[in-house]
Amino acid sequence: SVANATPRVIDALDLPLDTTGVVVIGAKGISRRLGLERGDVVLGVNGQGVADASDFAALVSRPAPGWDLRLLRNGRQMGLRLQG
């Protein structure tokens, strides 16, 4: 599951205070097996920026063969490809 990067979420996950956007707060089951981790910050999906959790939900609900995620993990940007 994901949530907006609020002060409460940032504090709970010990993220940098300037974190913005969408944070993975629970990576279980398929999400975990696909490589998402608690505390990942989702920066973009399929080349489109993600400002909040509703943006993320809209982008991943579109029919697609997969998703290219741009993430921030432990201060480093990385890409992750998920097959649909």
PDB file of N, CA and C in Angstrom:
ATOM      1  N   SER A   1       0.833  -1.177   0.000  1.00  0.00           N
ATOM      2  CA  SER A   1       0.000   0.000   0.000  1.00  0.00           C
ATOM      3  C   SER A   1       0.881   1.246   0.000  1.00  0.00           C
ATOM      4  N   VAL A   2       0.297   2.340  -0.419  1.00  0.00           N
ATOM      5  CA  VAL A   2       1.026   3.604  -0.501  1.00  0.00           C
ATOM      6  C   VAL A   2       0.263   4.687   0.244  1.00  0.00           C
ATOM      7  N   ALA A   3       0.979   5.746   0.578  1.00  0.00           N
ATOM      8  CA  ALA A   3       0.376   6.897   1.246  1.00  0.00           C
ATOM      9  C   ALA A   3       1.102   8.159   0.804  1.00  0.00           C
ATOM     10  N   ASN A   4       0.426   9.287   0.959  1.00  0.00           N
ATOM     11  CA  ASN A   4       1.086  10.558   0.699  1.00  0.00           C
ATOM     12  C   ASN A   4       2.179  10.778   1.741  1.00  0.00           C
ATOM     13  N   ALA A   5       3.234  11.466   1.350  1.00  0.00           N
ATOM     14  CA  ALA A   5       4.364  11.731   2.245  1.00  0.00           C
ATOM     15  C   ALA A   5       4.006  12.869   3.199  1.00  0.00           C
ATOM     16  N   THR A   6       3.263  12.532   4.231  1.00  0.00           N
ATOM     17  CA  THR A   6       2.896  13.501   5.259  1.00  0.00           C
ATOM     18  C   THR A   6       3.975  13.503   6.346  1.00  0.00           C
ATOM     19  N   PRO A   7       4.001  14.517   7.195  1.00  0.00           N
ATOM     20  CA  PRO A   7       4.982  14.509   8.286  1.00  0.00           C
ATOM     21  C   PRO A   7       4.902  13.237   9.136  1.00  0.00           C
ATOM     22  N   ARG A   8       3.710  12.739   9.360  1.00  0.00           N
ATOM     23  CA  ARG A   8       3.546  11.522  10.172  1.00  0.00           C
ATOM     24  C   ARG A   8       4.181  10.305   9.491  1.00  0.00           C
ATOM     25  N   VAL A   9       3.950  10.151   8.180  1.00  0.00           N
ATOM     26  CA  VAL A   9       4.533   9.035   7.425  1.00  0.00           C
ATOM     27  C   VAL A   9       6.049   9.171   7.365  1.00  0.00           C
ATOM     28  N   ILE A  10       6.514  10.376   7.098  1.00  0.00           N
ATOM     29  CA  ILE A  10       7.957  10.637   7.023  1.00  0.00           C
ATOM     30  C   ILE A  10       8.636  10.269   8.340  1.00  0.00           C
ATOM     31  N   ASP A  11       8.024  10.663   9.452  1.00  0.00           N
ATOM     32  CA  ASP A  11       8.591  10.357  10.767  1.00  0.00           C
ATOM     33  C   ASP A  11       8.558   8.856  11.049  1.00  0.00           C
ATOM     34  N   ALA A  12       7.440   8.214  10.749  1.00  0.00           N
ATOM     35  CA  ALA A  12       7.297   6.787  11.029  1.00  0.00           C
ATOM     36  C   ALA A  12       8.298   5.937  10.257  1.00  0.00           C
ATOM     37  N   LEU A  13       8.637   6.373   9.039  1.00  0.00           N
ATOM     38  CA  LEU A  13       9.557   5.592   8.205  1.00  0.00           C
ATOM     39  C   LEU A  13      10.981   6.148   8.220  1.00  0.00           C
ATOM     40  N   ASP A  14      11.209   7.163   9.053  1.00  0.00           N
ATOM     41  CA  ASP A  14      12.536   7.774   9.196  1.00  0.00           C
ATOM     42  C   ASP A  14      13.086   8.238   7.844  1.00  0.00           C
ATOM     43  N   LEU A  15      12.238   8.920   7.070  1.00  0.00           N
ATOM     44  CA  LEU A  15      12.637   9.447   5.763  1.00  0.00           C
ATOM     45  C   LEU A  15      13.143  10.881   5.914  1.00  0.00           C
ATOM     46  N   PRO A  16      13.890  11.378   4.943  1.00  0.00           N
ATOM     47  CA  PRO A  16      14.338  12.775   5.006  1.00  0.00           C
ATOM     48  C   PRO A  16      13.137  13.721   5.119  1.00  0.00           C
ATOM     49  N   LEU A  17      13.299  14.792   5.868  1.00  0.00           N
ATOM     50  CA  LEU A  17      12.193  15.718   6.110  1.00  0.00           C
ATOM     51  C   LEU A  17      11.649  16.369   4.852  1.00  0.00           C
ATOM     52  N   ASP A  18      12.450  16.440   3.791  1.00  0.00           N
ATOM     53  CA  ASP A  18      11.988  17.074   2.554  1.00  0.00           C
ATOM     54  C   ASP A  18      11.343  16.089   1.577  1.00  0.00           C
ATOM     55  N   THR A  19      11.034  14.869   2.034  1.00  0.00           N
ATOM     56  CA  THR A  19      10.398  13.867   1.186  1.00  0.00           C
ATOM     57  C   THR A  19       9.023  14.355   0.748  1.00  0.00           C
ATOM     58  N   THR A  20       8.741  14.218  -0.551  1.00  0.00           N
ATOM     59  CA  THR A  20       7.432  14.575  -1.095  1.00  0.00           C
ATOM     60  C   THR A  20       6.938  13.433  -1.971  1.00  0.00           C
ATOM     61  N   GLY A  21       5.644  13.441  -2.247  1.00  0.00           N
ATOM     62  CA  GLY A  21       5.088  12.463  -3.164  1.00  0.00           C
ATOM     63  C   GLY A  21       4.442  11.297  -2.462  1.00  0.00           C
ATOM     64  N   VAL A  22       4.709  10.099  -2.988  1.00  0.00           N
ATOM     65  CA  VAL A  22       4.039   8.880  -2.556  1.00  0.00           C
ATOM     66  C   VAL A  22       5.057   7.917  -1.957  1.00  0.00           C
ATOM     67  N   VAL A  23       4.727   7.367  -0.798  1.00  0.00           N
ATOM     68  CA  VAL A  23       5.629   6.472  -0.079  1.00  0.00           C
ATOM     69  C   VAL A  23       4.982   5.097   0.040  1.00  0.00           C
ATOM     70  N   VAL A  24       5.770   4.059  -0.209  1.00  0.00           N
ATOM     71  CA  VAL A  24       5.302   2.691   0.014  1.00  0.00           C
ATOM     72  C   VAL A  24       5.338   2.445   1.517  1.00  0.00           C
ATOM     73  N   ILE A  25       4.155   2.200   2.097  1.00  0.00           N
ATOM     74  CA  ILE A  25       4.095   1.979   3.547  1.00  0.00           C
ATOM     75  C   ILE A  25       3.933   0.504   3.889  1.00  0.00           C
ATOM     76  N   GLY A  26       3.564  -0.288   2.903  1.00  0.00           N
ATOM     77  CA  GLY A  26       3.438  -1.717   3.127  1.00  0.00           C
ATOM     78  C   GLY A  26       3.721  -2.471   1.848  1.00  0.00           C
ATOM     79  N   ALA A  27       4.742  -3.281   1.852  1.00  0.00           N
ATOM     80  CA  ALA A  27       5.088  -4.101   0.685  1.00  0.00           C
ATOM     81  C   ALA A  27       5.006  -5.553   1.112  1.00  0.00           C
ATOM     82  N   LYS A  28       3.861  -6.143   0.824  1.00  0.00           N
ATOM     83  CA  LYS A  28       3.635  -7.538   1.192  1.00  0.00           C
ATOM     84  C   LYS A  28       3.225  -8.309  -0.052  1.00  0.00           C
ATOM     85  N   GLY A  29       3.327  -9.593   0.016  1.00  0.00           N
ATOM     86  CA  GLY A  29       2.862 -10.442  -1.073  1.00  0.00           C
ATOM     87  C   GLY A  29       3.498 -10.099  -2.398  1.00  0.00           C
ATOM     88  N   ILE A  30       2.652  -9.858  -3.376  1.00  0.00           N
ATOM     89  CA  ILE A  30       3.128  -9.621  -4.742  1.00  0.00           C
ATOM     90  C   ILE A  30       3.989  -8.367  -4.830  1.00  0.00           C
ATOM     91  N   SER A  31       3.637  -7.313  -4.106  1.00  0.00           N
ATOM     92  CA  SER A  31       4.432  -6.075  -4.140  1.00  0.00           C
ATOM     93  C   SER A  31       5.859  -6.342  -3.686  1.00  0.00           C
ATOM     94  N   ARG A  32       5.996  -7.108  -2.629  1.00  0.00           N
ATOM     95  CA  ARG A  32       7.323  -7.448  -2.090  1.00  0.00           C
ATOM     96  C   ARG A  32       8.098  -8.313  -3.083  1.00  0.00           C
ATOM     97  N   ARG A  33       7.414  -9.305  -3.653  1.00  0.00           N
ATOM     98  CA  ARG A  33       8.083 -10.191  -4.620  1.00  0.00           C
ATOM     99  C   ARG A  33       8.514  -9.427  -5.865  1.00  0.00           C
ATOM    100  N   LEU A  34       7.786  -8.370  -6.207  1.00  0.00           N
ATOM    101  CA  LEU A  34       8.147  -7.582  -7.385  1.00  0.00           C
ATOM    102  C   LEU A  34       9.255  -6.575  -7.102  1.00  0.00           C
ATOM    103  N   GLY A  35       9.635  -6.420  -5.844  1.00  0.00           N
ATOM    104  CA  GLY A  35      10.786  -5.585  -5.525  1.00  0.00           C
ATOM    105  C   GLY A  35      10.496  -4.298  -4.783  1.00  0.00           C
ATOM    106  N   LEU A  36       9.233  -3.986  -4.509  1.00  0.00           N
ATOM    107  CA  LEU A  36       8.949  -2.788  -3.732  1.00  0.00           C
ATOM    108  C   LEU A  36       9.300  -3.025  -2.276  1.00  0.00           C
ATOM    109  N   GLU A  37       9.760  -1.961  -1.613  1.00  0.00           N
ATOM    110  CA  GLU A  37      10.125  -2.063  -0.206  1.00  0.00           C
ATOM    111  C   GLU A  37       9.475  -0.937   0.579  1.00  0.00           C
ATOM    112  N   ARG A  38       9.159  -1.226   1.822  1.00  0.00           N
ATOM    113  CA  ARG A  38       8.621  -0.202   2.721  1.00  0.00           C
ATOM    114  C   ARG A  38       9.604   0.965   2.762  1.00  0.00           C
ATOM    115  N   GLY A  39       9.090   2.172   2.574  1.00  0.00           N
ATOM    116  CA  GLY A  39       9.925   3.361   2.590  1.00  0.00           C
ATOM    117  C   GLY A  39      10.348   3.842   1.210  1.00  0.00           C
ATOM    118  N   ASP A  40      10.091   3.047   0.159  1.00  0.00           N
ATOM    119  CA  ASP A  40      10.364   3.526  -1.199  1.00  0.00           C
ATOM    120  C   ASP A  40       9.495   4.744  -1.479  1.00  0.00           C
ATOM    121  N   VAL A  41      10.054   5.735  -2.142  1.00  0.00           N
ATOM    122  CA  VAL A  41       9.305   6.917  -2.551  1.00  0.00           C
ATOM    123  C   VAL A  41       9.103   6.811  -4.057  1.00  0.00           C
ATOM    124  N   VAL A  42       7.854   6.786  -4.490  1.00  0.00           N
ATOM    125  CA  VAL A  42       7.534   6.664  -5.911  1.00  0.00           C
ATOM    126  C   VAL A  42       7.588   8.051  -6.536  1.00  0.00           C
ATOM    127  N   LEU A  43       8.503   8.228  -7.484  1.00  0.00           N
ATOM    128  CA  LEU A  43       8.675   9.510  -8.157  1.00  0.00           C
ATOM    129  C   LEU A  43       7.913   9.580  -9.473  1.00  0.00           C
ATOM    130  N   GLY A  44       7.764   8.431 -10.136  1.00  0.00           N
ATOM    131  CA  GLY A  44       7.081   8.423 -11.419  1.00  0.00           C
ATOM    132  C   GLY A  44       6.668   7.031 -11.835  1.00  0.00           C
ATOM    133  N   VAL A  45       5.672   6.988 -12.735  1.00  0.00           N
ATOM    134  CA  VAL A  45       5.177   5.735 -13.303  1.00  0.00           C
ATOM    135  C   VAL A  45       5.065   5.928 -14.811  1.00  0.00           C
ATOM    136  N   ASN A  46       5.736   5.066 -15.556  1.00  0.00           N
ATOM    137  CA  ASN A  46       5.698   5.104 -17.024  1.00  0.00           C
ATOM    138  C   ASN A  46       5.989   6.502 -17.569  1.00  0.00           C
ATOM    139  N   GLY A  47       6.974   7.153 -16.988  1.00  0.00           N
ATOM    140  CA  GLY A  47       7.417   8.451 -17.480  1.00  0.00           C
ATOM    141  C   GLY A  47       6.601   9.638 -17.006  1.00  0.00           C
ATOM    142  N   GLN A  48       5.591   9.415 -16.193  1.00  0.00           N
ATOM    143  CA  GLN A  48       4.766  10.503 -15.674  1.00  0.00           C
ATOM    144  C   GLN A  48       5.025  10.677 -14.191  1.00  0.00           C
ATOM    145  N   GLY A  49       5.152  11.929 -13.768  1.00  0.00           N
ATOM    146  CA  GLY A  49       5.390  12.217 -12.359  1.00  0.00           C
ATOM    147  C   GLY A  49       4.209  11.833 -11.495  1.00  0.00           C
ATOM    148  N   VAL A  50       4.500  11.551 -10.235  1.00  0.00           N
ATOM    149  CA  VAL A  50       3.469  11.168  -9.272  1.00  0.00           C
ATOM    150  C   VAL A  50       3.517  12.177  -8.126  1.00  0.00           C
ATOM    151  N   ALA A  51       2.438  12.952  -7.985  1.00  0.00           N
ATOM    152  CA  ALA A  51       2.400  13.967  -6.935  1.00  0.00           C
ATOM    153  C   ALA A  51       1.800  13.449  -5.638  1.00  0.00           C
ATOM    154  N   ASP A  52       0.841  12.527  -5.762  1.00  0.00           N
ATOM    155  CA  ASP A  52       0.177  12.022  -4.563  1.00  0.00           C
ATOM    156  C   ASP A  52      -0.379  10.625  -4.822  1.00  0.00           C
ATOM    157  N   ALA A  53      -0.957  10.042  -3.776  1.00  0.00           N
ATOM    158  CA  ALA A  53      -1.438   8.659  -3.865  1.00  0.00           C
ATOM    159  C   ALA A  53      -2.530   8.500  -4.910  1.00  0.00           C
ATOM    160  N   SER A  54      -3.357   9.519  -5.117  1.00  0.00           N
ATOM    161  CA  SER A  54      -4.410   9.399  -6.131  1.00  0.00           C
ATOM    162  C   SER A  54      -3.812   9.388  -7.534  1.00  0.00           C
ATOM    163  N   ASP A  55      -2.747  10.155  -7.770  1.00  0.00           N
ATOM    164  CA  ASP A  55      -2.027  10.090  -9.056  1.00  0.00           C
ATOM    165  C   ASP A  55      -1.494   8.689  -9.289  1.00  0.00           C
ATOM    166  N   PHE A  56      -0.865   8.118  -8.267  1.00  0.00           N
ATOM    167  CA  PHE A  56      -0.305   6.779  -8.367  1.00  0.00           C
ATOM    168  C   PHE A  56      -1.394   5.760  -8.702  1.00  0.00           C
ATOM    169  N   ALA A  57      -2.510   5.812  -7.978  1.00  0.00           N
ATOM    170  CA  ALA A  57      -3.608   4.873  -8.210  1.00  0.00           C
ATOM    171  C   ALA A  57      -4.144   4.995  -9.631  1.00  0.00           C
ATOM    172  N   ALA A  58      -4.276   6.220 -10.119  1.00  0.00           N
ATOM    173  CA  ALA A  58      -4.785   6.433 -11.479  1.00  0.00           C
ATOM    174  C   ALA A  58      -3.826   5.860 -12.515  1.00  0.00           C
ATOM    175  N   LEU A  59      -2.541   6.062 -12.326  1.00  0.00           N
ATOM    176  CA  LEU A  59      -1.554   5.589 -13.295  1.00  0.00           C
ATOM    177  C   LEU A  59      -1.451   4.068 -13.323  1.00  0.00           C
ATOM    178  N   VAL A  60      -1.484   3.418 -12.175  1.00  0.00           N
ATOM    179  CA  VAL A  60      -1.338   1.960 -12.174  1.00  0.00           C
ATOM    180  C   VAL A  60      -2.648   1.237 -12.476  1.00  0.00           C
ATOM    181  N   SER A  61      -3.762   1.956 -12.479  1.00  0.00           N
ATOM    182  CA  SER A  61      -5.029   1.317 -12.815  1.00  0.00           C
ATOM    183  C   SER A  61      -5.291   1.309 -14.320  1.00  0.00           C
ATOM    184  N   ARG A  62      -4.493   2.059 -15.077  1.00  0.00           N
ATOM    185  CA  ARG A  62      -4.640   2.064 -16.532  1.00  0.00           C
ATOM    186  C   ARG A  62      -4.148   0.740 -17.104  1.00  0.00           C
ATOM    187  N   PRO A  63      -4.859   0.237 -18.117  1.00  0.00           N
ATOM    188  CA  PRO A  63      -4.384  -1.000 -18.756  1.00  0.00           C
ATOM    189  C   PRO A  63      -2.970  -0.802 -19.323  1.00  0.00           C
ATOM    190  N   ALA A  64      -2.083  -1.701 -18.978  1.00  0.00           N
ATOM    191  CA  ALA A  64      -0.699  -1.625 -19.445  1.00  0.00           C
ATOM    192  C   ALA A  64      -0.067  -3.011 -19.309  1.00  0.00           C
ATOM    193  N   PRO A  65       0.897  -3.318 -20.181  1.00  0.00           N
ATOM    194  CA  PRO A  65       1.591  -4.598 -20.051  1.00  0.00           C
ATOM    195  C   PRO A  65       2.519  -4.630 -18.834  1.00  0.00           C
ATOM    196  N   GLY A  66       2.776  -3.465 -18.271  1.00  0.00           N
ATOM    197  CA  GLY A  66       3.640  -3.366 -17.105  1.00  0.00           C
ATOM    198  C   GLY A  66       3.821  -1.924 -16.718  1.00  0.00           C
ATOM    199  N   TRP A  67       4.609  -1.697 -15.687  1.00  0.00           N
ATOM    200  CA  TRP A  67       4.847  -0.343 -15.206  1.00  0.00           C
ATOM    201  C   TRP A  67       6.337  -0.150 -14.987  1.00  0.00           C
ATOM    202  N   ASP A  68       6.829   0.977 -15.452  1.00  0.00           N
ATOM    203  CA  ASP A  68       8.193   1.389 -15.161  1.00  0.00           C
ATOM    204  C   ASP A  68       8.116   2.416 -14.046  1.00  0.00           C
ATOM    205  N   LEU A  69       8.607   2.043 -12.878  1.00  0.00           N
ATOM    206  CA  LEU A  69       8.570   2.939 -11.730  1.00  0.00           C
ATOM    207  C   LEU A  69       9.919   3.620 -11.556  1.00  0.00           C
ATOM    208  N   ARG A  70       9.884   4.889 -11.225  1.00  0.00           N
ATOM    209  CA  ARG A  70      11.082   5.622 -10.824  1.00  0.00           C
ATOM    210  C   ARG A  70      10.944   5.826  -9.321  1.00  0.00           C
ATOM    211  N   LEU A  71      11.914   5.313  -8.570  1.00  0.00           N
ATOM    212  CA  LEU A  71      11.853   5.306  -7.110  1.00  0.00           C
ATOM    213  C   LEU A  71      13.041   6.020  -6.494  1.00  0.00           C
ATOM    214  N   LEU A  72      12.840   6.429  -5.268  1.00  0.00           N
ATOM    215  CA  LEU A  72      13.932   6.897  -4.421  1.00  0.00           C
ATOM    216  C   LEU A  72      14.000   5.913  -3.257  1.00  0.00           C
ATOM    217  N   ARG A  73      15.137   5.233  -3.137  1.00  0.00           N
ATOM    218  CA  ARG A  73      15.323   4.248  -2.069  1.00  0.00           C
ATOM    219  C   ARG A  73      16.650   4.525  -1.384  1.00  0.00           C
ATOM    220  N   ASN A  74      16.584   4.768  -0.088  1.00  0.00           N
ATOM    221  CA  ASN A  74      17.804   5.046   0.697  1.00  0.00           C
ATOM    222  C   ASN A  74      18.622   6.167   0.082  1.00  0.00           C
ATOM    223  N   GLY A  75      17.939   7.206  -0.406  1.00  0.00           N
ATOM    224  CA  GLY A  75      18.616   8.376  -0.954  1.00  0.00           C
ATOM    225  C   GLY A  75      19.098   8.231  -2.384  1.00  0.00           C
ATOM    226  N   ARG A  76      18.851   7.094  -3.020  1.00  0.00           N
ATOM    227  CA  ARG A  76      19.302   6.866  -4.397  1.00  0.00           C
ATOM    228  C   ARG A  76      18.116   6.653  -5.321  1.00  0.00           C
ATOM    229  N   GLN A  77      18.172   7.290  -6.497  1.00  0.00           N
ATOM    230  CA  GLN A  77      17.136   7.049  -7.488  1.00  0.00           C
ATOM    231  C   GLN A  77      17.408   5.725  -8.197  1.00  0.00           C
ATOM    232  N   MET A  78      16.328   5.029  -8.492  1.00  0.00           N
ATOM    233  CA  MET A  78      16.459   3.764  -9.186  1.00  0.00           C
ATOM    234  C   MET A  78      15.200   3.507 -10.010  1.00  0.00           C
ATOM    235  N   GLY A  79      15.301   2.607 -10.940  1.00  0.00           N
ATOM    236  CA  GLY A  79      14.152   2.205 -11.736  1.00  0.00           C
ATOM    237  C   GLY A  79      13.768   0.787 -11.397  1.00  0.00           C
ATOM    238  N   LEU A  80      12.481   0.496 -11.551  1.00  0.00           N
ATOM    239  CA  LEU A  80      11.978  -0.840 -11.295  1.00  0.00           C
ATOM    240  C   LEU A  80      10.885  -1.118 -12.305  1.00  0.00           C
ATOM    241  N   ARG A  81      11.019  -2.213 -13.024  1.00  0.00           N
ATOM    242  CA  ARG A  81      10.017  -2.590 -14.021  1.00  0.00           C
ATOM    243  C   ARG A  81       9.155  -3.715 -13.456  1.00  0.00           C
ATOM    244  N   LEU A  82       7.851  -3.479 -13.437  1.00  0.00           N
ATOM    245  CA  LEU A  82       6.888  -4.466 -12.965  1.00  0.00           C
ATOM    246  C   LEU A  82       6.048  -4.920 -14.133  1.00  0.00           C
ATOM    247  N   GLN A  83       5.909  -6.205 -14.289  1.00  0.00           N
ATOM    248  CA  GLN A  83       5.078  -6.754 -15.351  1.00  0.00           C
ATOM    249  C   GLN A  83       3.637  -6.855 -14.886  1.00  0.00           C
ATOM    250  N   GLY A  84       2.701  -6.515 -15.784  1.00  0.00           N
ATOM    251  CA  GLY A  84       1.276  -6.511 -15.445  1.00  0.00           C
ATOM    252  C   GLY A  84       0.636  -7.856 -15.542  1.00  0.00           C
TER     253      GLY A  84
END
